[in-house]
Amino acid sequence: MTADQDPPDSPARSPRLGERPVRPELAPRPDPAPDIVTFDLVRSDPEVVALIEQANKSLGVLGYTEHGVRHVTLVSRIARNVLRYLGYDSEYQELASIAGYLHDVGNVISRYDHAYTSALLAHDILIRMGMPPTDVAIIMGAIGSHGDDS
């Protein structure tokens, strides 16, 4: 074996399910994340839609009032307007709007400590969507701080 060859047990040489090996640099890549994760992208994400719908159903069984799309849309608008009123730039207003929309997704797990589970679920969703970690951290802080016990 020469220096420019992969060792026999390297991933680049290991066939998968009888297929020919694919060099990592030639493998198909997933579509790149959007340059910016916007409220509209978050609102239309299938995972977000499913979490909000199921959280609303779960809370309805427990006797809570509407906590679905209408509620989170209202909260996202209020959050954006508060930051606009306080003089924050449009980027922070957008982050506030996203935080408002995702603030109750943790209700899909449990009402107890839902602010914290919402923040953790939002983290995974937003990182998957390609949001910069610094923006994700801001949103997590806002969501995690919204509960009755914070």
N, C-alpha and C. Protein backbone atom coordinates (compact mmCIF):
# COMPACT_ATOMS: atom_id res chain seq x y z
N MET A 1 0.85 -1.17 0.00
CA MET A 1 0.00 0.00 0.00
C MET A 1 0.90 1.22 0.00
N THR A 2 0.58 2.19 -0.87
CA THR A 2 1.36 3.42 -0.93
C THR A 2 0.75 4.46 -0.01
N ALA A 3 1.45 5.57 0.19
CA ALA A 3 1.01 6.62 1.11
C ALA A 3 -0.28 7.29 0.66
N ASP A 4 -0.57 7.30 -0.65
CA ASP A 4 -1.78 7.96 -1.12
C ASP A 4 -3.00 7.04 -1.17
N GLN A 5 -2.87 5.81 -0.70
CA GLN A 5 -3.99 4.89 -0.68
C GLN A 5 -4.62 4.85 0.71
N ASP A 6 -5.92 4.63 0.75
CA ASP A 6 -6.61 4.47 2.02
C ASP A 6 -6.32 3.08 2.58
N PRO A 7 -6.22 2.94 3.90
CA PRO A 7 -6.07 1.61 4.47
C PRO A 7 -7.31 0.77 4.15
N PRO A 8 -7.17 -0.55 4.11
CA PRO A 8 -8.28 -1.41 3.70
C PRO A 8 -9.54 -1.26 4.55
N ASP A 9 -9.42 -0.88 5.83
CA ASP A 9 -10.59 -0.80 6.69
C ASP A 9 -11.15 0.62 6.81
N SER A 10 -10.70 1.55 5.99
CA SER A 10 -11.18 2.93 6.10
C SER A 10 -12.61 3.03 5.55
N PRO A 11 -13.38 4.02 6.05
CA PRO A 11 -14.76 4.19 5.58
C PRO A 11 -14.85 4.40 4.08
N ALA A 12 -13.85 5.03 3.49
CA ALA A 12 -13.89 5.29 2.05
C ALA A 12 -13.79 4.00 1.26
N ARG A 13 -13.24 2.94 1.85
CA ARG A 13 -13.08 1.66 1.16
C ARG A 13 -14.15 0.65 1.55
N SER A 14 -14.92 0.92 2.58
CA SER A 14 -15.90 -0.05 3.06
C SER A 14 -17.16 0.03 2.21
N PRO A 15 -17.47 -1.03 1.46
CA PRO A 15 -18.71 -1.00 0.68
C PRO A 15 -19.93 -1.05 1.60
N ARG A 16 -21.00 -0.41 1.16
CA ARG A 16 -22.25 -0.40 1.92
C ARG A 16 -23.27 -1.26 1.20
N LEU A 17 -23.73 -2.27 1.90
CA LEU A 17 -24.77 -3.15 1.36
C LEU A 17 -24.46 -3.63 -0.05
N GLY A 18 -23.23 -4.03 -0.27
CA GLY A 18 -22.83 -4.58 -1.55
C GLY A 18 -22.58 -3.56 -2.64
N GLU A 19 -22.67 -2.28 -2.33
CA GLU A 19 -22.42 -1.24 -3.33
C GLU A 19 -20.93 -0.97 -3.42
N ARG A 20 -20.57 -0.35 -4.50
CA ARG A 20 -19.18 0.07 -4.64
C ARG A 20 -18.91 1.19 -3.66
N PRO A 21 -17.71 1.28 -3.12
CA PRO A 21 -17.40 2.36 -2.18
C PRO A 21 -17.51 3.72 -2.86
N VAL A 22 -17.91 4.70 -2.09
CA VAL A 22 -18.03 6.08 -2.57
C VAL A 22 -17.07 6.93 -1.78
N ARG A 23 -16.24 7.67 -2.48
CA ARG A 23 -15.34 8.58 -1.77
C ARG A 23 -16.17 9.71 -1.18
N PRO A 24 -15.92 10.08 0.09
CA PRO A 24 -16.75 11.10 0.74
C PRO A 24 -16.86 12.40 -0.04
N GLU A 25 -15.79 12.81 -0.68
CA GLU A 25 -15.85 14.08 -1.41
C GLU A 25 -16.71 14.00 -2.67
N LEU A 26 -17.06 12.79 -3.10
CA LEU A 26 -17.90 12.61 -4.27
C LEU A 26 -19.34 12.23 -3.92
N ALA A 27 -19.59 11.97 -2.65
CA ALA A 27 -20.93 11.56 -2.22
C ALA A 27 -21.90 12.73 -2.38
N PRO A 28 -23.17 12.43 -2.67
CA PRO A 28 -24.15 13.51 -2.77
C PRO A 28 -24.27 14.23 -1.43
N ARG A 29 -24.41 15.52 -1.50
CA ARG A 29 -24.55 16.33 -0.28
C ARG A 29 -26.00 16.78 -0.14
N PRO A 30 -26.45 16.93 1.11
CA PRO A 30 -27.81 17.44 1.28
C PRO A 30 -27.90 18.88 0.80
N ASP A 31 -29.11 19.30 0.51
CA ASP A 31 -29.31 20.70 0.12
C ASP A 31 -28.76 21.61 1.20
N PRO A 32 -28.09 22.67 0.81
CA PRO A 32 -27.55 23.58 1.82
C PRO A 32 -28.67 24.27 2.59
N ALA A 33 -28.38 24.61 3.84
CA ALA A 33 -29.35 25.33 4.66
C ALA A 33 -29.55 26.72 4.07
N PRO A 34 -30.72 27.29 4.28
CA PRO A 34 -30.93 28.66 3.79
C PRO A 34 -29.98 29.62 4.47
N ASP A 35 -29.67 30.72 3.80
CA ASP A 35 -28.76 31.70 4.38
C ASP A 35 -29.29 32.25 5.69
N ILE A 36 -30.58 32.37 5.79
CA ILE A 36 -31.17 32.92 7.00
C ILE A 36 -32.44 32.14 7.32
N VAL A 37 -32.60 31.80 8.58
CA VAL A 37 -33.80 31.10 9.02
C VAL A 37 -34.80 32.16 9.45
N THR A 38 -35.89 32.23 8.75
CA THR A 38 -36.89 33.27 8.99
C THR A 38 -38.11 32.69 9.73
N PHE A 39 -38.92 33.59 10.23
CA PHE A 39 -40.18 33.20 10.85
C PHE A 39 -41.02 32.37 9.89
N ASP A 40 -41.09 32.80 8.63
CA ASP A 40 -41.91 32.07 7.65
C ASP A 40 -41.41 30.65 7.42
N LEU A 41 -40.08 30.46 7.41
CA LEU A 41 -39.53 29.11 7.27
C LEU A 41 -39.86 28.26 8.48
N VAL A 42 -39.72 28.83 9.66
CA VAL A 42 -40.02 28.09 10.89
C VAL A 42 -41.50 27.73 10.93
N ARG A 43 -42.36 28.67 10.64
CA ARG A 43 -43.81 28.46 10.69
C ARG A 43 -44.25 27.34 9.75
N SER A 44 -43.57 27.20 8.62
CA SER A 44 -43.98 26.19 7.64
C SER A 44 -43.21 24.88 7.75
N ASP A 45 -42.30 24.77 8.70
CA ASP A 45 -41.53 23.54 8.87
C ASP A 45 -42.46 22.40 9.33
N PRO A 46 -42.43 21.25 8.66
CA PRO A 46 -43.35 20.16 9.01
C PRO A 46 -43.22 19.69 10.46
N GLU A 47 -42.01 19.67 10.99
CA GLU A 47 -41.84 19.25 12.39
C GLU A 47 -42.50 20.26 13.33
N VAL A 48 -42.31 21.53 13.07
CA VAL A 48 -42.93 22.57 13.90
C VAL A 48 -44.45 22.47 13.83
N VAL A 49 -44.97 22.30 12.64
CA VAL A 49 -46.42 22.18 12.46
C VAL A 49 -46.95 21.00 13.28
N ALA A 50 -46.28 19.86 13.18
CA ALA A 50 -46.72 18.66 13.90
C ALA A 50 -46.66 18.85 15.42
N LEU A 51 -45.59 19.46 15.91
CA LEU A 51 -45.45 19.66 17.35
C LEU A 51 -46.52 20.59 17.89
N ILE A 52 -46.78 21.68 17.18
CA ILE A 52 -47.80 22.63 17.65
C ILE A 52 -49.19 22.00 17.62
N GLU A 53 -49.49 21.26 16.56
CA GLU A 53 -50.81 20.61 16.47
C GLU A 53 -51.00 19.60 17.60
N GLN A 54 -49.98 18.76 17.84
CA GLN A 54 -50.12 17.74 18.87
C GLN A 54 -50.13 18.34 20.26
N ALA A 55 -49.32 19.37 20.50
CA ALA A 55 -49.33 20.04 21.80
C ALA A 55 -50.71 20.61 22.09
N ASN A 56 -51.32 21.21 21.10
CA ASN A 56 -52.66 21.78 21.27
C ASN A 56 -53.68 20.68 21.60
N LYS A 57 -53.59 19.55 20.92
CA LYS A 57 -54.50 18.44 21.20
C LYS A 57 -54.30 17.92 22.63
N SER A 58 -53.04 17.76 23.02
CA SER A 58 -52.74 17.25 24.36
C SER A 58 -53.25 18.19 25.44
N LEU A 59 -53.05 19.48 25.26
CA LEU A 59 -53.52 20.45 26.25
C LEU A 59 -55.04 20.53 26.27
N GLY A 60 -55.66 20.37 25.11
CA GLY A 60 -57.12 20.37 25.05
C GLY A 60 -57.72 19.26 25.88
N VAL A 61 -57.11 18.09 25.85
CA VAL A 61 -57.58 16.96 26.65
C VAL A 61 -57.47 17.28 28.14
N LEU A 62 -56.47 18.07 28.51
CA LEU A 62 -56.27 18.46 29.91
C LEU A 62 -57.15 19.64 30.33
N GLY A 63 -57.90 20.19 29.38
CA GLY A 63 -58.82 21.28 29.71
C GLY A 63 -58.27 22.68 29.47
N TYR A 64 -57.10 22.77 28.85
CA TYR A 64 -56.54 24.09 28.55
C TYR A 64 -57.24 24.70 27.35
N THR A 65 -57.24 26.02 27.30
CA THR A 65 -57.79 26.72 26.14
C THR A 65 -56.83 26.57 24.96
N GLU A 66 -57.21 27.09 23.84
CA GLU A 66 -56.45 26.97 22.59
C GLU A 66 -54.98 27.36 22.76
N HIS A 67 -54.10 26.43 22.42
CA HIS A 67 -52.65 26.66 22.43
C HIS A 67 -52.05 26.25 21.09
N GLY A 68 -52.80 26.37 20.04
CA GLY A 68 -52.35 25.97 18.72
C GLY A 68 -51.79 27.13 17.91
N VAL A 69 -52.00 27.05 16.61
CA VAL A 69 -51.43 28.03 15.68
C VAL A 69 -51.91 29.45 16.00
N ARG A 70 -53.17 29.60 16.34
CA ARG A 70 -53.68 30.94 16.66
C ARG A 70 -52.92 31.55 17.84
N HIS A 71 -52.73 30.77 18.90
CA HIS A 71 -52.04 31.25 20.10
C HIS A 71 -50.58 31.60 19.80
N VAL A 72 -49.85 30.69 19.16
CA VAL A 72 -48.42 30.95 18.94
C VAL A 72 -48.20 32.06 17.92
N THR A 73 -49.12 32.22 16.98
CA THR A 73 -49.01 33.33 16.03
C THR A 73 -49.23 34.66 16.75
N LEU A 74 -50.20 34.70 17.64
CA LEU A 74 -50.44 35.92 18.43
C LEU A 74 -49.22 36.26 19.29
N VAL A 75 -48.66 35.26 19.97
CA VAL A 75 -47.49 35.50 20.82
C VAL A 75 -46.31 35.97 19.98
N SER A 76 -46.12 35.39 18.80
CA SER A 76 -45.00 35.80 17.94
C SER A 76 -45.16 37.25 17.49
N ARG A 77 -46.39 37.65 17.19
CA ARG A 77 -46.64 39.05 16.78
C ARG A 77 -46.40 40.01 17.94
N ILE A 78 -46.86 39.64 19.12
CA ILE A 78 -46.65 40.49 20.29
C ILE A 78 -45.15 40.62 20.58
N ALA A 79 -44.42 39.52 20.52
CA ALA A 79 -42.98 39.56 20.79
C ALA A 79 -42.27 40.48 19.80
N ARG A 80 -42.62 40.36 18.52
CA ARG A 80 -42.02 41.23 17.51
C ARG A 80 -42.35 42.70 17.79
N ASN A 81 -43.60 42.98 18.13
CA ASN A 81 -44.01 44.36 18.38
C ASN A 81 -43.36 44.95 19.62
N VAL A 82 -43.17 44.15 20.65
CA VAL A 82 -42.49 44.65 21.85
C VAL A 82 -41.07 45.07 21.50
N LEU A 83 -40.35 44.23 20.75
CA LEU A 83 -38.98 44.60 20.39
C LEU A 83 -38.95 45.79 19.45
N ARG A 84 -39.92 45.90 18.56
CA ARG A 84 -40.00 47.07 17.68
C ARG A 84 -40.20 48.33 18.52
N TYR A 85 -41.12 48.26 19.47
CA TYR A 85 -41.41 49.40 20.35
C TYR A 85 -40.18 49.79 21.16
N LEU A 86 -39.39 48.81 21.58
CA LEU A 86 -38.19 49.08 22.38
C LEU A 86 -37.00 49.54 21.53
N GLY A 87 -37.17 49.56 20.21
CA GLY A 87 -36.13 50.07 19.33
C GLY A 87 -35.10 49.07 18.86
N TYR A 88 -35.39 47.77 19.02
CA TYR A 88 -34.46 46.75 18.52
C TYR A 88 -34.54 46.67 17.00
N ASP A 89 -33.44 46.23 16.38
CA ASP A 89 -33.42 46.15 14.92
C ASP A 89 -34.26 44.97 14.44
N SER A 90 -34.45 44.91 13.12
CA SER A 90 -35.35 43.91 12.53
C SER A 90 -34.86 42.48 12.75
N GLU A 91 -33.55 42.28 12.87
CA GLU A 91 -33.04 40.93 13.12
C GLU A 91 -33.48 40.42 14.49
N TYR A 92 -33.38 41.26 15.51
CA TYR A 92 -33.83 40.85 16.84
C TYR A 92 -35.35 40.70 16.88
N GLN A 93 -36.05 41.53 16.13
CA GLN A 93 -37.50 41.39 16.05
C GLN A 93 -37.87 40.03 15.45
N GLU A 94 -37.12 39.62 14.44
CA GLU A 94 -37.38 38.32 13.80
C GLU A 94 -37.10 37.18 14.78
N LEU A 95 -36.01 37.28 15.54
CA LEU A 95 -35.69 36.26 16.54
C LEU A 95 -36.79 36.18 17.60
N ALA A 96 -37.28 37.33 18.02
CA ALA A 96 -38.37 37.36 19.01
C ALA A 96 -39.62 36.70 18.45
N SER A 97 -39.90 36.95 17.19
CA SER A 97 -41.06 36.36 16.55
C SER A 97 -40.94 34.84 16.49
N ILE A 98 -39.75 34.36 16.15
CA ILE A 98 -39.51 32.91 16.11
C ILE A 98 -39.65 32.32 17.51
N ALA A 99 -39.08 32.99 18.51
CA ALA A 99 -39.19 32.51 19.89
C ALA A 99 -40.65 32.43 20.32
N GLY A 100 -41.41 33.45 19.97
CA GLY A 100 -42.83 33.44 20.30
C GLY A 100 -43.58 32.29 19.66
N TYR A 101 -43.21 31.98 18.44
CA TYR A 101 -43.89 30.90 17.73
C TYR A 101 -43.56 29.53 18.32
N LEU A 102 -42.33 29.37 18.78
CA LEU A 102 -41.88 28.07 19.29
C LEU A 102 -42.03 27.93 20.81
N HIS A 103 -42.52 28.96 21.48
CA HIS A 103 -42.46 28.97 22.95
C HIS A 103 -43.25 27.86 23.63
N ASP A 104 -44.20 27.25 22.98
CA ASP A 104 -45.01 26.21 23.62
C ASP A 104 -44.86 24.83 23.00
N VAL A 105 -43.88 24.61 22.12
CA VAL A 105 -43.75 23.29 21.49
C VAL A 105 -43.48 22.19 22.52
N GLY A 106 -42.90 22.54 23.66
CA GLY A 106 -42.62 21.56 24.70
C GLY A 106 -43.87 20.98 25.35
N ASN A 107 -45.01 21.62 25.14
CA ASN A 107 -46.27 21.06 25.65
C ASN A 107 -46.58 19.71 25.03
N VAL A 108 -45.94 19.39 23.93
CA VAL A 108 -46.14 18.08 23.31
C VAL A 108 -45.60 16.98 24.23
N ILE A 109 -44.64 17.32 25.08
CA ILE A 109 -44.07 16.36 26.02
C ILE A 109 -44.83 16.39 27.34
N SER A 110 -44.97 17.58 27.90
CA SER A 110 -45.66 17.75 29.18
C SER A 110 -45.86 19.23 29.44
N ARG A 111 -46.91 19.56 30.15
CA ARG A 111 -47.12 20.95 30.56
C ARG A 111 -46.10 21.33 31.63
N TYR A 112 -45.71 20.36 32.44
CA TYR A 112 -44.74 20.59 33.51
C TYR A 112 -43.38 20.94 32.89
N ASP A 113 -42.81 22.05 33.28
CA ASP A 113 -41.51 22.53 32.77
C ASP A 113 -41.50 22.69 31.25
N HIS A 114 -42.64 23.01 30.67
CA HIS A 114 -42.71 23.10 29.21
C HIS A 114 -41.82 24.20 28.63
N ALA A 115 -41.51 25.22 29.40
CA ALA A 115 -40.63 26.28 28.88
C ALA A 115 -39.25 25.70 28.58
N TYR A 116 -38.79 24.81 29.45
CA TYR A 116 -37.46 24.23 29.25
C TYR A 116 -37.46 23.22 28.11
N THR A 117 -38.48 22.36 28.06
CA THR A 117 -38.53 21.40 26.96
C THR A 117 -38.76 22.11 25.63
N SER A 118 -39.51 23.21 25.66
CA SER A 118 -39.70 23.99 24.44
C SER A 118 -38.38 24.56 23.94
N ALA A 119 -37.56 25.07 24.86
CA ALA A 119 -36.26 25.63 24.48
C ALA A 119 -35.37 24.56 23.87
N LEU A 120 -35.38 23.36 24.44
CA LEU A 120 -34.54 22.28 23.92
C LEU A 120 -35.03 21.79 22.56
N LEU A 121 -36.34 21.66 22.41
CA LEU A 121 -36.87 21.27 21.10
C LEU A 121 -36.56 22.34 20.05
N ALA A 122 -36.72 23.60 20.43
CA ALA A 122 -36.41 24.70 19.50
C ALA A 122 -34.95 24.65 19.08
N HIS A 123 -34.06 24.35 20.02
CA HIS A 123 -32.64 24.23 19.69
C HIS A 123 -32.43 23.25 18.55
N ASP A 124 -32.96 22.04 18.71
CA ASP A 124 -32.75 21.01 17.69
C ASP A 124 -33.35 21.40 16.35
N ILE A 125 -34.53 21.98 16.37
CA ILE A 125 -35.20 22.39 15.14
C ILE A 125 -34.38 23.47 14.42
N LEU A 126 -33.98 24.49 15.15
CA LEU A 126 -33.30 25.63 14.53
C LEU A 126 -31.89 25.28 14.07
N ILE A 127 -31.18 24.45 14.81
CA ILE A 127 -29.86 23.99 14.36
C ILE A 127 -30.02 23.17 13.08
N ARG A 128 -31.03 22.27 13.05
CA ARG A 128 -31.28 21.49 11.83
C ARG A 128 -31.57 22.39 10.64
N MET A 129 -32.26 23.49 10.89
CA MET A 129 -32.62 24.41 9.81
C MET A 129 -31.45 25.29 9.37
N GLY A 130 -30.35 25.27 10.13
CA GLY A 130 -29.17 26.02 9.75
C GLY A 130 -29.02 27.38 10.41
N MET A 131 -29.75 27.63 11.48
CA MET A 131 -29.62 28.91 12.18
C MET A 131 -28.29 28.96 12.92
N PRO A 132 -27.61 30.10 12.91
CA PRO A 132 -26.36 30.24 13.66
C PRO A 132 -26.59 29.99 15.16
N PRO A 133 -25.66 29.28 15.80
CA PRO A 133 -25.82 28.95 17.22
C PRO A 133 -26.02 30.17 18.12
N THR A 134 -25.44 31.30 17.78
CA THR A 134 -25.63 32.49 18.62
C THR A 134 -27.09 32.94 18.60
N ASP A 135 -27.73 32.86 17.45
CA ASP A 135 -29.15 33.20 17.35
C ASP A 135 -30.02 32.16 18.05
N VAL A 136 -29.64 30.89 17.91
CA VAL A 136 -30.37 29.82 18.59
C VAL A 136 -30.33 30.04 20.10
N ALA A 137 -29.17 30.43 20.62
CA ALA A 137 -29.02 30.66 22.06
C ALA A 137 -29.93 31.79 22.54
N ILE A 138 -30.05 32.84 21.75
CA ILE A 138 -30.94 33.96 22.11
C ILE A 138 -32.38 33.46 22.20
N ILE A 139 -32.79 32.70 21.21
CA ILE A 139 -34.16 32.18 21.18
C ILE A 139 -34.40 31.22 22.34
N MET A 140 -33.42 30.36 22.61
CA MET A 140 -33.57 29.42 23.73
C MET A 140 -33.76 30.17 25.05
N GLY A 141 -32.98 31.23 25.25
CA GLY A 141 -33.10 32.01 26.48
C GLY A 141 -34.47 32.64 26.62
N ALA A 142 -34.99 33.17 25.52
CA ALA A 142 -36.32 33.78 25.55
C ALA A 142 -37.39 32.74 25.86
N ILE A 143 -37.32 31.61 25.20
CA ILE A 143 -38.32 30.56 25.41
C ILE A 143 -38.23 30.01 26.83
N GLY A 144 -37.03 29.71 27.27
CA GLY A 144 -36.85 29.12 28.60
C GLY A 144 -37.25 30.04 29.73
N SER A 145 -37.33 31.33 29.45
CA SER A 145 -37.68 32.32 30.48
C SER A 145 -39.17 32.63 30.55
N HIS A 146 -39.97 32.03 29.71
CA HIS A 146 -41.37 32.46 29.64
C HIS A 146 -42.31 31.76 30.62
N GLY A 147 -41.86 30.74 31.29
CA GLY A 147 -42.76 29.98 32.15
C GLY A 147 -43.16 30.69 33.43
N ASP A 148 -44.12 30.13 34.09
CA ASP A 148 -44.63 30.69 35.35
C ASP A 148 -43.58 30.71 36.45
N ASP A 149 -42.64 29.78 36.39
CA ASP A 149 -41.65 29.65 37.46
C ASP A 149 -40.32 30.28 37.13
N SER A 150 -40.24 31.08 36.08
CA SER A 150 -38.94 31.67 35.71
C SER A 150 -38.84 33.11 36.14
